[in-house]
Every structure is written in C-alpha cells, then in structure tokens.
C-alpha cells in the first residue's frame, strides 16, 4: 500500500452536544468523546498492524484536536507528533460559538436558501470555502509518507473533498462524524469508525 492518510475528527465536545459551531474556539471533550477517541485508537492500532513504515501525526492547534491526538497516540510511541495550523477548523468568524438558531436571530436572512452544510461559509467575517480548500489542499500536497491527521468536522469535509477532487456541494455532503476515522488511500475514502 502506498501513502495513506488516516483522517481523525476529534471526539465529541460539549458544544457538539449543544449544536454550537466551534470554529476556532474550544470546548472540552465529553466523557463520550473521550471514549470515542479510545475506540478510534484501538481501530487505528488494528489498521496499522503489520505496517513497518514510519508514521507521523499532524494535528490541528485547537485544544479539542490536541487532546484527541494525545489520547489517540498514548499507545503509539513510534509516531512523531507535529502541530500544523492548516488542519484547524474552518473559522466561522463572529458565528463561532453560536447555534444555527442564534445565527438566524442575530443575522436575519443569513441562512436563507443555504443547503445543509453550505451555511458554514456564510458568516460575514468567516473563512470562505475557497480559502479553506486552498489551505487544506496545501497541507495535503505537503504530506509525505503515511500520516495520521487530527482535524475537525467542516475542515475534514473540505479536506476529503480536495483529496477526492469533488465539487463543493459534494464535499460538503461528505460524512465526518464526531470521533470518526477515515482512511484516505488510492484516491478513495474509507471510514474505519
């Protein structure tokens, strides 16, 4: 098998349970989220069994991803860890920390006509889809060798979309569950958990 990227979304956070956009803000992992990370760690260990190539882990600078990476790698001493700002979540600007309901009240009409995930890119001072695609595409091009990437929900969708070469509307429909682990290899995305 050639280069493989194991894309991890951080475990469930308190704000995930409340429907709050986290963006560049932080919320702690829930007990359930910590359990998700432990389960992902076991799935990842199983997936890596028999592989002898060097493996690195690159992680978003945001606390929820850092905690996820530290816990995930607890039993993988041979994996080097590096923080990479390009793996951070998409910034929702002034919408960071808000729910869709709060956005609809404070920014009337901002969500009108938006698709299920397209609204993430409607914040007046947030990151654009194009900006996020360029940032995550640059990260993807910089990766050499097999890598564990610990990132986020919207950033993960965009990253998988760039990897697959699919248009925006398809990228935003890709599934990235809390505590999800996907394998990006041979031009395909396969979920392991």
Foldseek 3Di string as FASTA:
>chain_A
DFAKEKEWEFFAFPVNVVQAAAAQHDGEHDPRRLVLLVVVLVLVVVVCPPPDDQEEEEEAPHPSLVVSVCSSCVPPVRYHYHYDNLQEGWHQDPSRGHHPVVCCVVPPPQCPPPDPQNSSQSRPPTDHLVRNLVSLLVVVVPDDHYYYYYHHFLSVLSNLCSLLVHDPVNSRPDDRDRSWIWMCPPSDIDTSD
